[in-house]
């Protein structure tokens, strides 16, 4: 879990955001060079990291938060018999 938290902290930092934007733009550019369904899928997949990097949203962090909230909801209450 510590490795995932360290990775999330990197993705939230400025270098992490810049790298997400660069990777997203690279996927869009590479997908644009392929006139096929694969190119379209690459372009659509590249838009996600580019937009989230620009907006400062970390999707991995949101997924982990919702997972932890769901797990906390299913834990039995302490002190109940």
PDB file of N, CA and C in Angstrom:
ATOM      1  N   UNK A   1       0.820  -1.190   0.000  1.00  0.00           N
ATOM      2  CA  UNK A   1       0.000   0.000   0.000  1.00  0.00           C
ATOM      3  C   UNK A   1       0.866   1.256   0.000  1.00  0.00           C
ATOM      4  N   UNK A   2       2.041   1.165   0.629  1.00  0.00           N
ATOM      5  CA  UNK A   2       2.929   2.327   0.687  1.00  0.00           C
ATOM      6  C   UNK A   2       3.440   2.695  -0.700  1.00  0.00           C
ATOM      7  N   UNK A   3       3.642   1.686  -1.537  1.00  0.00           N
ATOM      8  CA  UNK A   3       4.125   1.951  -2.896  1.00  0.00           C
ATOM      9  C   UNK A   3       3.051   2.682  -3.696  1.00  0.00           C
ATOM     10  N   UNK A   4       1.804   2.265  -3.522  1.00  0.00           N
ATOM     11  CA  UNK A   4       0.710   2.915  -4.243  1.00  0.00           C
ATOM     12  C   UNK A   4       0.548   4.356  -3.772  1.00  0.00           C
ATOM     13  N   UNK A   5       0.660   4.582  -2.466  1.00  0.00           N
ATOM     14  CA  UNK A   5       0.560   5.953  -1.945  1.00  0.00           C
ATOM     15  C   UNK A   5       1.699   6.825  -2.452  1.00  0.00           C
ATOM     16  N   UNK A   6       2.905   6.260  -2.549  1.00  0.00           N
ATOM     17  CA  UNK A   6       4.034   7.024  -3.082  1.00  0.00           C
ATOM     18  C   UNK A   6       3.802   7.367  -4.552  1.00  0.00           C
ATOM     19  N   UNK A   7       3.253   6.413  -5.311  1.00  0.00           N
ATOM     20  CA  UNK A   7       2.960   6.655  -6.722  1.00  0.00           C
ATOM     21  C   UNK A   7       1.871   7.722  -6.876  1.00  0.00           C
ATOM     22  N   UNK A   8       0.850   7.661  -6.032  1.00  0.00           N
ATOM     23  CA  UNK A   8      -0.208   8.672  -6.070  1.00  0.00           C
ATOM     24  C   UNK A   8       0.359  10.050  -5.739  1.00  0.00           C
ATOM     25  N   UNK A   9       1.246  10.119  -4.744  1.00  0.00           N
ATOM     26  CA  UNK A   9       1.873  11.400  -4.401  1.00  0.00           C
ATOM     27  C   UNK A   9       2.682  11.948  -5.567  1.00  0.00           C
ATOM     28  N   UNK A  10       3.359  11.058  -6.297  1.00  0.00           N
ATOM     29  CA  UNK A  10       4.099  11.515  -7.480  1.00  0.00           C
ATOM     30  C   UNK A  10       3.140  12.035  -8.543  1.00  0.00           C
ATOM     31  N   UNK A  11       2.060  11.314  -8.802  1.00  0.00           N
ATOM     32  CA  UNK A  11       1.110  11.735  -9.829  1.00  0.00           C
ATOM     33  C   UNK A  11       0.457  13.072  -9.495  1.00  0.00           C
ATOM     34  N   UNK A  12       0.292  13.374  -8.203  1.00  0.00           N
ATOM     35  CA  UNK A  12      -0.301  14.643  -7.794  1.00  0.00           C
ATOM     36  C   UNK A  12       0.687  15.797  -7.850  1.00  0.00           C
ATOM     37  N   UNK A  13       1.995  15.498  -7.882  1.00  0.00           N
ATOM     38  CA  UNK A  13       3.008  16.554  -7.904  1.00  0.00           C
ATOM     39  C   UNK A  13       3.080  17.189  -9.303  1.00  0.00           C
ATOM     40  N   UNK A  14       3.774  18.303  -9.382  1.00  0.00           N
ATOM     41  CA  UNK A  14       3.916  19.001 -10.663  1.00  0.00           C
ATOM     42  C   UNK A  14       4.626  18.155 -11.710  1.00  0.00           C
ATOM     43  N   UNK A  15       5.753  17.495 -11.393  1.00  0.00           N
ATOM     44  CA  UNK A  15       6.364  16.630 -12.420  1.00  0.00           C
ATOM     45  C   UNK A  15       5.439  15.488 -12.865  1.00  0.00           C
ATOM     46  N   UNK A  16       4.647  14.962 -11.950  1.00  0.00           N
ATOM     47  CA  UNK A  16       3.708  13.906 -12.305  1.00  0.00           C
ATOM     48  C   UNK A  16       2.619  14.396 -13.238  1.00  0.00           C
ATOM     49  N   UNK A  17       2.119  15.585 -12.964  1.00  0.00           N
ATOM     50  CA  UNK A  17       1.094  16.162 -13.837  1.00  0.00           C
ATOM     51  C   UNK A  17       1.664  16.436 -15.224  1.00  0.00           C
ATOM     52  N   UNK A  18       2.881  16.968 -15.275  1.00  0.00           N
ATOM     53  CA  UNK A  18       3.511  17.250 -16.566  1.00  0.00           C
ATOM     54  C   UNK A  18       3.728  15.957 -17.336  1.00  0.00           C
ATOM     55  N   UNK A  19       4.174  14.911 -16.645  1.00  0.00           N
ATOM     56  CA  UNK A  19       4.405  13.635 -17.337  1.00  0.00           C
ATOM     57  C   UNK A  19       3.095  13.047 -17.858  1.00  0.00           C
ATOM     58  N   UNK A  20       1.996  13.193 -17.120  1.00  0.00           N
ATOM     59  CA  UNK A  20       0.715  12.700 -17.611  1.00  0.00           C
ATOM     60  C   UNK A  20       0.278  13.449 -18.861  1.00  0.00           C
ATOM     61  N   UNK A  21       0.483  14.760 -18.874  1.00  0.00           N
ATOM     62  CA  UNK A  21       0.106  15.544 -20.052  1.00  0.00           C
ATOM     63  C   UNK A  21       0.964  15.139 -21.250  1.00  0.00           C
ATOM     64  N   UNK A  22       2.262  14.956 -21.026  1.00  0.00           N
ATOM     65  CA  UNK A  22       3.172  14.586 -22.120  1.00  0.00           C
ATOM     66  C   UNK A  22       2.816  13.207 -22.671  1.00  0.00           C
ATOM     67  N   UNK A  23       2.573  12.254 -21.787  1.00  0.00           N
ATOM     68  CA  UNK A  23       2.203  10.905 -22.236  1.00  0.00           C
ATOM     69  C   UNK A  23       0.872  10.937 -22.982  1.00  0.00           C
ATOM     70  N   UNK A  24      -0.074  11.701 -22.488  1.00  0.00           N
ATOM     71  CA  UNK A  24      -1.372  11.804 -23.154  1.00  0.00           C
ATOM     72  C   UNK A  24      -1.259  12.410 -24.544  1.00  0.00           C
ATOM     73  N   UNK A  25      -0.505  13.478 -24.663  1.00  0.00           N
ATOM     74  CA  UNK A  25      -0.320  14.116 -25.970  1.00  0.00           C
ATOM     75  C   UNK A  25       0.436  13.184 -26.913  1.00  0.00           C
ATOM     76  N   UNK A  26       1.407  12.441 -26.386  1.00  0.00           N
ATOM     77  CA  UNK A  26       2.154  11.488 -27.216  1.00  0.00           C
ATOM     78  C   UNK A  26       1.233  10.372 -27.726  1.00  0.00           C
ATOM     79  N   UNK A  27       0.345   9.878 -26.879  1.00  0.00           N
ATOM     80  CA  UNK A  27      -0.602   8.855 -27.324  1.00  0.00           C
ATOM     81  C   UNK A  27      -1.551   9.393 -28.390  1.00  0.00           C
ATOM     82  N   UNK A  28      -2.004  10.609 -28.210  1.00  0.00           N
ATOM     83  CA  UNK A  28      -2.888  11.215 -29.211  1.00  0.00           C
ATOM     84  C   UNK A  28      -2.143  11.381 -30.533  1.00  0.00           C
ATOM     85  N   UNK A  29      -0.907  11.869 -30.490  1.00  0.00           N
ATOM     86  CA  UNK A  29      -0.131  12.062 -31.714  1.00  0.00           C
ATOM     87  C   UNK A  29       0.177  10.728 -32.390  1.00  0.00           C
ATOM     88  N   UNK A  30       0.534   9.720 -31.602  1.00  0.00           N
ATOM     89  CA  UNK A  30       0.826   8.403 -32.176  1.00  0.00           C
ATOM     90  C   UNK A  30      -0.435   7.778 -32.765  1.00  0.00           C
ATOM     91  N   UNK A  31      -1.544   7.940 -32.084  1.00  0.00           N
ATOM     92  CA  UNK A  31      -2.803   7.414 -32.598  1.00  0.00           C
ATOM     93  C   UNK A  31      -3.244   8.115 -33.866  1.00  0.00           C
ATOM     94  N   UNK A  32      -2.941   9.396 -33.971  1.00  0.00           N
ATOM     95  CA  UNK A  32      -3.315  10.148 -35.174  1.00  0.00           C
ATOM     96  C   UNK A  32      -2.531   9.688 -36.396  1.00  0.00           C
ATOM     97  N   UNK A  33      -1.371   9.079 -36.165  1.00  0.00           N
ATOM     98  CA  UNK A  33      -0.566   8.618 -37.296  1.00  0.00           C
ATOM     99  C   UNK A  33      -1.029   7.262 -37.823  1.00  0.00           C
ATOM    100  N   UNK A  34      -1.976   6.618 -37.136  1.00  0.00           N
ATOM    101  CA  UNK A  34      -2.515   5.325 -37.569  1.00  0.00           C
ATOM    102  C   UNK A  34      -3.961   5.498 -38.010  1.00  0.00           C
ATOM    103  N   UNK A  35      -4.210   5.421 -39.316  1.00  0.00           N
ATOM    104  CA  UNK A  35      -5.584   5.591 -39.800  1.00  0.00           C
ATOM    105  C   UNK A  35      -6.392   4.289 -39.667  1.00  0.00           C
ATOM    106  N   UNK A  36      -6.629   3.898 -38.439  1.00  0.00           N
ATOM    107  CA  UNK A  36      -7.382   2.663 -38.198  1.00  0.00           C
ATOM    108  C   UNK A  36      -8.117   2.787 -36.863  1.00  0.00           C
ATOM    109  N   UNK A  37      -8.794   1.720 -36.498  1.00  0.00           N
ATOM    110  CA  UNK A  37      -9.488   1.699 -35.225  1.00  0.00           C
ATOM    111  C   UNK A  37      -8.493   1.777 -34.069  1.00  0.00           C
ATOM    112  N   UNK A  38      -7.343   1.160 -34.228  1.00  0.00           N
ATOM    113  CA  UNK A  38      -6.303   1.220 -33.196  1.00  0.00           C
ATOM    114  C   UNK A  38      -5.875   2.668 -32.955  1.00  0.00           C
ATOM    115  N   UNK A  39      -5.727   3.445 -34.001  1.00  0.00           N
ATOM    116  CA  UNK A  39      -5.368   4.850 -33.855  1.00  0.00           C
ATOM    117  C   UNK A  39      -6.422   5.635 -33.105  1.00  0.00           C
ATOM    118  N   UNK A  40      -7.673   5.354 -33.402  1.00  0.00           N
ATOM    119  CA  UNK A  40      -8.767   6.039 -32.710  1.00  0.00           C
ATOM    120  C   UNK A  40      -8.776   5.675 -31.230  1.00  0.00           C
ATOM    121  N   UNK A  41      -8.562   4.400 -30.919  1.00  0.00           N
ATOM    122  CA  UNK A  41      -8.534   3.964 -29.520  1.00  0.00           C
ATOM    123  C   UNK A  41      -7.354   4.609 -28.785  1.00  0.00           C
ATOM    124  N   UNK A  42      -6.199   4.681 -29.416  1.00  0.00           N
ATOM    125  CA  UNK A  42      -5.042   5.325 -28.797  1.00  0.00           C
ATOM    126  C   UNK A  42      -5.296   6.804 -28.544  1.00  0.00           C
ATOM    127  N   UNK A  43      -5.934   7.474 -29.493  1.00  0.00           N
ATOM    128  CA  UNK A  43      -6.228   8.892 -29.293  1.00  0.00           C
ATOM    129  C   UNK A  43      -7.214   9.090 -28.151  1.00  0.00           C
ATOM    130  N   UNK A  44      -8.224   8.245 -28.077  1.00  0.00           N
ATOM    131  CA  UNK A  44      -9.202   8.377 -26.997  1.00  0.00           C
ATOM    132  C   UNK A  44      -8.564   8.057 -25.649  1.00  0.00           C
ATOM    133  N   UNK A  45      -7.673   7.066 -25.627  1.00  0.00           N
ATOM    134  CA  UNK A  45      -6.982   6.723 -24.384  1.00  0.00           C
ATOM    135  C   UNK A  45      -5.994   7.821 -23.989  1.00  0.00           C
ATOM    136  N   UNK A  46      -5.426   8.514 -24.925  1.00  0.00           N
ATOM    137  CA  UNK A  46      -4.481   9.588 -24.637  1.00  0.00           C
ATOM    138  C   UNK A  46      -5.137  10.848 -24.106  1.00  0.00           C
ATOM    139  N   UNK A  47      -6.400  11.031 -24.433  1.00  0.00           N
ATOM    140  CA  UNK A  47      -7.109  12.216 -23.956  1.00  0.00           C
ATOM    141  C   UNK A  47      -7.267  12.171 -22.439  1.00  0.00           C
ATOM    142  N   UNK A  48      -7.471  10.974 -21.880  1.00  0.00           N
ATOM    143  CA  UNK A  48      -7.727  10.840 -20.442  1.00  0.00           C
ATOM    144  C   UNK A  48      -6.552  11.356 -19.604  1.00  0.00           C
ATOM    145  N   UNK A  49      -5.319  10.865 -19.788  1.00  0.00           N
ATOM    146  CA  UNK A  49      -4.234  11.395 -18.955  1.00  0.00           C
ATOM    147  C   UNK A  49      -3.921  12.865 -19.251  1.00  0.00           C
ATOM    148  N   UNK A  50      -4.121  13.285 -20.498  1.00  0.00           N
ATOM    149  CA  UNK A  50      -3.850  14.686 -20.823  1.00  0.00           C
ATOM    150  C   UNK A  50      -4.815  15.614 -20.091  1.00  0.00           C
ATOM    151  N   UNK A  51      -6.093  15.309 -20.131  1.00  0.00           N
ATOM    152  CA  UNK A  51      -7.098  16.158 -19.479  1.00  0.00           C
ATOM    153  C   UNK A  51      -6.945  16.113 -17.962  1.00  0.00           C
ATOM    154  N   UNK A  52      -6.754  14.909 -17.400  1.00  0.00           N
ATOM    155  CA  UNK A  52      -6.631  14.824 -15.945  1.00  0.00           C
ATOM    156  C   UNK A  52      -5.350  15.495 -15.465  1.00  0.00           C
ATOM    157  N   UNK A  53      -4.305  15.450 -16.258  1.00  0.00           N
ATOM    158  CA  UNK A  53      -3.073  16.144 -15.889  1.00  0.00           C
ATOM    159  C   UNK A  53      -3.254  17.656 -15.909  1.00  0.00           C
ATOM    160  N   UNK A  54      -3.947  18.145 -16.900  1.00  0.00           N
ATOM    161  CA  UNK A  54      -4.202  19.591 -16.988  1.00  0.00           C
ATOM    162  C   UNK A  54      -5.115  20.042 -15.854  1.00  0.00           C
ATOM    163  N   UNK A  55      -6.147  19.251 -15.565  1.00  0.00           N
ATOM    164  CA  UNK A  55      -7.127  19.617 -14.536  1.00  0.00           C
ATOM    165  C   UNK A  55      -6.621  19.350 -13.123  1.00  0.00           C
ATOM    166  N   UNK A  56      -5.567  18.571 -12.983  1.00  0.00           N
ATOM    167  CA  UNK A  56      -5.038  18.266 -11.652  1.00  0.00           C
ATOM    168  C   UNK A  56      -5.830  17.203 -10.914  1.00  0.00           C
ATOM    169  N   UNK A  57      -6.485  16.339 -11.663  1.00  0.00           N
ATOM    170  CA  UNK A  57      -7.259  15.258 -11.066  1.00  0.00           C
ATOM    171  C   UNK A  57      -6.442  13.980 -11.162  1.00  0.00           C
ATOM    172  N   UNK A  58      -6.380  13.239 -10.063  1.00  0.00           N
ATOM    173  CA  UNK A  58      -5.678  11.957 -10.066  1.00  0.00           C
ATOM    174  C   UNK A  58      -6.724  10.858  -9.957  1.00  0.00           C
ATOM    175  N   UNK A  59      -6.974  10.154 -11.058  1.00  0.00           N
ATOM    176  CA  UNK A  59      -8.005   9.125 -11.068  1.00  0.00           C
ATOM    177  C   UNK A  59      -7.657   7.964 -10.151  1.00  0.00           C
ATOM    178  N   UNK A  60      -6.385   7.627 -10.042  1.00  0.00           N
ATOM    179  CA  UNK A  60      -5.975   6.534  -9.161  1.00  0.00           C
ATOM    180  C   UNK A  60      -6.294   6.869  -7.707  1.00  0.00           C
ATOM    181  N   UNK A  61      -6.105   8.118  -7.333  1.00  0.00           N
ATOM    182  CA  UNK A  61      -6.423   8.546  -5.973  1.00  0.00           C
ATOM    183  C   UNK A  61      -7.926   8.434  -5.709  1.00  0.00           C
ATOM    184  N   UNK A  62      -8.728   8.818  -6.677  1.00  0.00           N
ATOM    185  CA  UNK A  62     -10.177   8.738  -6.518  1.00  0.00           C
ATOM    186  C   UNK A  62     -10.641   7.289  -6.390  1.00  0.00           C
ATOM    187  N   UNK A  63     -10.036   6.401  -7.166  1.00  0.00           N
ATOM    188  CA  UNK A  63     -10.389   4.984  -7.086  1.00  0.00           C
ATOM    189  C   UNK A  63     -10.008   4.429  -5.722  1.00  0.00           C
ATOM    190  N   UNK A  64      -8.834   4.774  -5.223  1.00  0.00           N
ATOM    191  CA  UNK A  64      -8.392   4.271  -3.925  1.00  0.00           C
ATOM    192  C   UNK A  64      -9.271   4.813  -2.795  1.00  0.00           C
ATOM    193  N   UNK A  65      -9.683   6.085  -2.888  1.00  0.00           N
ATOM    194  CA  UNK A  65     -10.563   6.666  -1.870  1.00  0.00           C
ATOM    195  C   UNK A  65     -11.901   5.941  -1.833  1.00  0.00           C
ATOM    196  N   UNK A  66     -12.468   5.674  -2.996  1.00  0.00           N
ATOM    197  CA  UNK A  66     -13.758   5.006  -3.030  1.00  0.00           C
ATOM    198  C   UNK A  66     -13.639   3.568  -2.548  1.00  0.00           C
ATOM    199  N   UNK A  67     -12.527   2.925  -2.838  1.00  0.00           N
ATOM    200  CA  UNK A  67     -12.313   1.553  -2.372  1.00  0.00           C
ATOM    201  C   UNK A  67     -12.198   1.516  -0.851  1.00  0.00           C
ATOM    202  N   UNK A  68     -11.431   2.460  -0.295  1.00  0.00           N
ATOM    203  CA  UNK A  68     -11.286   2.506   1.161  1.00  0.00           C
ATOM    204  C   UNK A  68     -12.612   2.827   1.842  1.00  0.00           C
ATOM    205  N   UNK A  69     -13.398   3.703   1.249  1.00  0.00           N
ATOM    206  CA  UNK A  69     -14.699   4.037   1.822  1.00  0.00           C
ATOM    207  C   UNK A  69     -15.633   2.838   1.780  1.00  0.00           C
ATOM    208  N   UNK A  70     -15.591   2.090   0.687  1.00  0.00           N
ATOM    209  CA  UNK A  70     -16.428   0.902   0.568  1.00  0.00           C
ATOM    210  C   UNK A  70     -16.005  -0.166   1.571  1.00  0.00           C
ATOM    211  N   UNK A  71     -14.696  -0.330   1.773  1.00  0.00           N
ATOM    212  CA  UNK A  71     -14.215  -1.310   2.748  1.00  0.00           C
ATOM    213  C   UNK A  71     -14.567  -0.887   4.173  1.00  0.00           C
ATOM    214  N   UNK A  72     -14.479   0.401   4.467  1.00  0.00           N
ATOM    215  CA  UNK A  72     -14.805   0.890   5.805  1.00  0.00           C
ATOM    216  C   UNK A  72     -16.292   0.729   6.107  1.00  0.00           C
ATOM    217  N   UNK A  73     -17.097   0.791   5.094  1.00  0.00           N
ATOM    218  CA  UNK A  73     -18.532   0.663   5.264  1.00  0.00           C
ATOM    219  C   UNK A  73     -18.924  -0.768   5.641  1.00  0.00           C
ATOM    220  N   UNK A  74     -18.151  -1.747   5.184  1.00  0.00           N
ATOM    221  CA  UNK A  74     -18.481  -3.148   5.423  1.00  0.00           C
ATOM    222  C   UNK A  74     -17.810  -3.717   6.666  1.00  0.00           C
ATOM    223  N   UNK A  75     -17.012  -2.935   7.379  1.00  0.00           N
ATOM    224  CA  UNK A  75     -16.372  -3.421   8.597  1.00  0.00           C
ATOM    225  C   UNK A  75     -17.405  -3.477   9.721  1.00  0.00           C
ATOM    226  N   UNK A  76     -17.353  -4.524  10.502  1.00  0.00           N
ATOM    227  CA  UNK A  76     -18.306  -4.594  11.619  1.00  0.00           C
ATOM    228  C   UNK A  76     -17.985  -3.550  12.671  1.00  0.00           C
ATOM    229  N   UNK A  77     -19.011  -3.021  13.308  1.00  0.00           N
ATOM    230  CA  UNK A  77     -18.830  -2.010  14.343  1.00  0.00           C
ATOM    231  C   UNK A  77     -18.222  -2.586  15.599  1.00  0.00           C
ATOM    232  N   UNK A  78     -17.352  -1.819  16.219  1.00  0.00           N
ATOM    233  CA  UNK A  78     -16.722  -2.297  17.447  1.00  0.00           C
ATOM    234  C   UNK A  78     -17.681  -2.094  18.620  1.00  0.00           C
ATOM    235  N   UNK A  79     -17.590  -2.992  19.606  1.00  0.00           N
ATOM    236  CA  UNK A  79     -18.404  -2.864  20.792  1.00  0.00           C
ATOM    237  C   UNK A  79     -19.784  -3.492  20.674  1.00  0.00           C
ATOM    238  N   UNK A  80     -20.098  -4.020  19.522  1.00  0.00           N
ATOM    239  CA  UNK A  80     -21.390  -4.671  19.358  1.00  0.00           C
ATOM    240  C   UNK A  80     -21.222  -6.177  19.544  1.00  0.00           C
ATOM    241  N   UNK A  81     -22.183  -6.762  20.190  1.00  0.00           N
ATOM    242  CA  UNK A  81     -22.105  -8.210  20.426  1.00  0.00           C
ATOM    243  C   UNK A  81     -23.075  -8.941  19.541  1.00  0.00           C
TER     244      UNK A  81
END
